Amino acid sequence: MLDFEGAQVEVCHQKLDELSIGWDTIDTTAAVTGWEWYELTPRWSREDERLVPFVGEELREVALLERRPDGRDLAAGTVAVEFSFARGRLRIANGLDENRVEVGAAPPGHVRHRPGR
């Protein structure tokens, strides 16, 4: 989840081909439950150093990046959500059944789709 001055964007990758994008549907003040069986319980955090350069920056563009490699690739067809700021780009990509946060230019083999265009 990313908070843009009160507008919360929620991105979730699951499996290889499932992507969910939502707005303002998750209550981050509620305790995380349902993980009692696991030794590490997830918690809400604002402590990701990769996000620090973008705090307070104006969001310039959002795009979907479709992975289209030249050869065979298990990740072919997966979609990352890219947020562009003056200081660079932040992507939430499919990390094989979890979200992966990436910073910088997208690697080769991606096709950019701009919503509304």
C-alpha atoms as a PDB file:
ATOM      1  CA  MET A   1       0.000   0.000   0.000  1.00  0.00           C
ATOM      2  CA  LEU A   2       1.116   3.497  -0.801  1.00  0.00           C
ATOM      3  CA  ASP A   3      -0.411   6.636   0.709  1.00  0.00           C
ATOM      4  CA  PHE A   4      -0.641   9.712  -1.498  1.00  0.00           C
ATOM      5  CA  GLU A   5      -1.754  12.407   0.961  1.00  0.00           C
ATOM      6  CA  GLY A   6      -4.776  10.432   2.101  1.00  0.00           C
ATOM      7  CA  ALA A   7      -5.468   8.505  -1.121  1.00  0.00           C
ATOM      8  CA  GLN A   8      -4.331   4.961  -0.432  1.00  0.00           C
ATOM      9  CA  VAL A   9      -3.363   2.734  -3.378  1.00  0.00           C
ATOM     10  CA  GLU A  10      -3.335  -1.007  -2.708  1.00  0.00           C
ATOM     11  CA  VAL A  11      -1.423  -3.384  -4.991  1.00  0.00           C
ATOM     12  CA  CYS A  12      -1.321  -7.139  -4.484  1.00  0.00           C
ATOM     13  CA  HIS A  13       0.265  -9.828  -6.671  1.00  0.00           C
ATOM     14  CA  GLN A  14      -0.735 -13.431  -6.127  1.00  0.00           C
ATOM     15  CA  LYS A  15       0.351 -16.501  -8.042  1.00  0.00           C
ATOM     16  CA  LEU A  16       1.925 -15.713 -11.412  1.00  0.00           C
ATOM     17  CA  ASP A  17      -1.036 -14.106 -13.102  1.00  0.00           C
ATOM     18  CA  GLU A  18      -3.219 -12.410 -10.495  1.00  0.00           C
ATOM     19  CA  LEU A  19      -2.956  -8.678  -9.824  1.00  0.00           C
ATOM     20  CA  SER A  20      -5.338  -6.672  -7.687  1.00  0.00           C
ATOM     21  CA  ILE A  21      -5.321  -2.873  -7.521  1.00  0.00           C
ATOM     22  CA  GLY A  22      -7.613  -1.090  -5.075  1.00  0.00           C
ATOM     23  CA  TRP A  23      -8.141   2.303  -3.492  1.00  0.00           C
ATOM     24  CA  ASP A  24      -8.948   3.047   0.138  1.00  0.00           C
ATOM     25  CA  THR A  25     -10.358  -0.393   0.998  1.00  0.00           C
ATOM     26  CA  ILE A  26      -7.896  -1.613   3.673  1.00  0.00           C
ATOM     27  CA  ASP A  27      -7.890  -0.261   7.219  1.00  0.00           C
ATOM     28  CA  THR A  28      -4.211   0.037   8.174  1.00  0.00           C
ATOM     29  CA  THR A  29      -5.130   0.980  11.753  1.00  0.00           C
ATOM     30  CA  ALA A  30      -6.532  -2.537  12.316  1.00  0.00           C
ATOM     31  CA  ALA A  31      -4.323  -5.300  13.664  1.00  0.00           C
ATOM     32  CA  VAL A  32      -3.110  -7.906  11.173  1.00  0.00           C
ATOM     33  CA  THR A  33      -4.797 -11.209  12.041  1.00  0.00           C
ATOM     34  CA  GLY A  34      -4.948 -14.725  10.631  1.00  0.00           C
ATOM     35  CA  TRP A  35      -1.211 -15.370  10.861  1.00  0.00           C
ATOM     36  CA  GLU A  36      -1.157 -17.032  14.278  1.00  0.00           C
ATOM     37  CA  TRP A  37      -0.030 -20.317  12.692  1.00  0.00           C
ATOM     38  CA  TYR A  38       3.104 -18.714  11.227  1.00  0.00           C
ATOM     39  CA  GLU A  39       6.205 -17.780  13.229  1.00  0.00           C
ATOM     40  CA  LEU A  40       6.419 -14.270  11.682  1.00  0.00           C
ATOM     41  CA  THR A  41       3.320 -12.118  11.897  1.00  0.00           C
ATOM     42  CA  PRO A  42       3.165  -9.328   9.271  1.00  0.00           C
ATOM     43  CA  ARG A  43       2.748  -5.765  10.520  1.00  0.00           C
ATOM     44  CA  TRP A  44       2.030  -2.405   8.947  1.00  0.00           C
ATOM     45  CA  SER A  45       5.220  -0.415   8.448  1.00  0.00           C
ATOM     46  CA  ARG A  46       6.403   2.927   7.116  1.00  0.00           C
ATOM     47  CA  GLU A  47      10.043   1.836   7.276  1.00  0.00           C
ATOM     48  CA  ASP A  48      11.119   0.907   3.766  1.00  0.00           C
ATOM     49  CA  GLU A  49      14.280   2.776   2.769  1.00  0.00           C
ATOM     50  CA  ARG A  50      13.485   2.288  -0.930  1.00  0.00           C
ATOM     51  CA  LEU A  51      10.467   4.564  -0.540  1.00  0.00           C
ATOM     52  CA  VAL A  52      12.231   7.421   1.272  1.00  0.00           C
ATOM     53  CA  PRO A  53      13.279   9.359  -1.882  1.00  0.00           C
ATOM     54  CA  PHE A  54       9.631   9.524  -2.992  1.00  0.00           C
ATOM     55  CA  VAL A  55       8.057  10.791   0.231  1.00  0.00           C
ATOM     56  CA  GLY A  56       6.500  14.197  -0.407  1.00  0.00           C
ATOM     57  CA  GLU A  57       7.165  13.983  -4.161  1.00  0.00           C
ATOM     58  CA  GLU A  58       4.424  14.702  -6.679  1.00  0.00           C
ATOM     59  CA  LEU A  59       3.214  11.643  -8.572  1.00  0.00           C
ATOM     60  CA  ARG A  60       3.676  12.382 -12.278  1.00  0.00           C
ATOM     61  CA  GLU A  61       2.459   9.213 -13.965  1.00  0.00           C
ATOM     62  CA  VAL A  62       1.205   5.695 -13.357  1.00  0.00           C
ATOM     63  CA  ALA A  63       1.725   2.900 -15.867  1.00  0.00           C
ATOM     64  CA  LEU A  64       1.352  -0.854 -16.111  1.00  0.00           C
ATOM     65  CA  LEU A  65       4.488  -2.657 -17.289  1.00  0.00           C
ATOM     66  CA  GLU A  66       3.896  -5.955 -19.040  1.00  0.00           C
ATOM     67  CA  ARG A  67       6.814  -8.372 -19.087  1.00  0.00           C
ATOM     68  CA  ARG A  68       7.506  -9.436 -22.692  1.00  0.00           C
ATOM     69  CA  PRO A  69      10.960 -11.029 -22.851  1.00  0.00           C
ATOM     70  CA  ASP A  70      12.624 -12.052 -26.110  1.00  0.00           C
ATOM     71  CA  GLY A  71      12.895 -15.701 -25.095  1.00  0.00           C
ATOM     72  CA  ARG A  72      10.983 -18.075 -22.876  1.00  0.00           C
ATOM     73  CA  ASP A  73      10.500 -16.719 -19.371  1.00  0.00           C
ATOM     74  CA  LEU A  74       8.309 -17.881 -16.506  1.00  0.00           C
ATOM     75  CA  ALA A  75       7.462 -14.221 -15.760  1.00  0.00           C
ATOM     76  CA  ALA A  76       6.271 -13.478 -19.319  1.00  0.00           C
ATOM     77  CA  GLY A  77       2.921 -11.704 -19.244  1.00  0.00           C
ATOM     78  CA  THR A  78       3.162 -10.569 -15.635  1.00  0.00           C
ATOM     79  CA  VAL A  79       2.327  -6.934 -14.933  1.00  0.00           C
ATOM     80  CA  ALA A  80       4.059  -4.452 -12.630  1.00  0.00           C
ATOM     81  CA  VAL A  81       2.542  -1.175 -11.461  1.00  0.00           C
ATOM     82  CA  GLU A  82       4.942   1.730 -11.994  1.00  0.00           C
ATOM     83  CA  PHE A  83       4.758   5.104 -10.247  1.00  0.00           C
ATOM     84  CA  SER A  84       6.851   7.919 -11.774  1.00  0.00           C
ATOM     85  CA  PHE A  85       8.141  10.851  -9.727  1.00  0.00           C
ATOM     86  CA  ALA A  86      10.641  13.654 -10.391  1.00  0.00           C
ATOM     87  CA  ARG A  87      13.282  11.653  -8.496  1.00  0.00           C
ATOM     88  CA  GLY A  88      12.725   8.392 -10.331  1.00  0.00           C
ATOM     89  CA  ARG A  89      10.458   5.418 -10.695  1.00  0.00           C
ATOM     90  CA  LEU A  90       9.035   2.947  -8.205  1.00  0.00           C
ATOM     91  CA  ARG A  91       7.520  -0.373  -9.286  1.00  0.00           C
ATOM     92  CA  ILE A  92       5.511  -2.987  -7.479  1.00  0.00           C
ATOM     93  CA  ALA A  93       6.145  -6.153  -9.440  1.00  0.00           C
ATOM     94  CA  ASN A  94       5.207  -9.807  -9.201  1.00  0.00           C
ATOM     95  CA  GLY A  95       7.794 -11.532  -7.022  1.00  0.00           C
ATOM     96  CA  LEU A  96       6.399 -15.030  -7.623  1.00  0.00           C
ATOM     97  CA  ASP A  97       3.342 -15.001  -5.351  1.00  0.00           C
ATOM     98  CA  GLU A  98       4.256 -11.825  -3.496  1.00  0.00           C
ATOM     99  CA  ASN A  99       4.889  -8.148  -4.119  1.00  0.00           C
ATOM    100  CA  ARG A 100       8.409  -7.034  -5.000  1.00  0.00           C
ATOM    101  CA  VAL A 101       9.404  -3.373  -4.695  1.00  0.00           C
ATOM    102  CA  GLU A 102      11.821  -2.134  -7.368  1.00  0.00           C
ATOM    103  CA  VAL A 103      13.339   1.307  -7.865  1.00  0.00           C
ATOM    104  CA  GLY A 104      14.828   2.776 -11.026  1.00  0.00           C
ATOM    105  CA  ALA A 105      14.283   2.172 -14.705  1.00  0.00           C
ATOM    106  CA  ALA A 106      12.508  -1.036 -15.667  1.00  0.00           C
ATOM    107  CA  PRO A 107      14.759  -3.729 -17.069  1.00  0.00           C
ATOM    108  CA  PRO A 108      14.547  -4.486 -20.817  1.00  0.00           C
ATOM    109  CA  GLY A 109      11.691  -6.642 -22.007  1.00  0.00           C
ATOM    110  CA  HIS A 110       8.780  -4.588 -20.681  1.00  0.00           C
ATOM    111  CA  VAL A 111       5.964  -2.887 -22.579  1.00  0.00           C
ATOM    112  CA  ARG A 112       4.534   0.229 -20.918  1.00  0.00           C
ATOM    113  CA  HIS A 113       0.728   0.662 -20.880  1.00  0.00           C
ATOM    114  CA  ARG A 114      -0.550   4.039 -19.721  1.00  0.00           C
ATOM    115  CA  PRO A 115      -4.133   3.886 -18.407  1.00  0.00           C
ATOM    116  CA  GLY A 116      -6.508   6.178 -20.240  1.00  0.00           C
ATOM    117  CA  ARG A 117      -4.401   6.347 -23.415  1.00  0.00           C
END
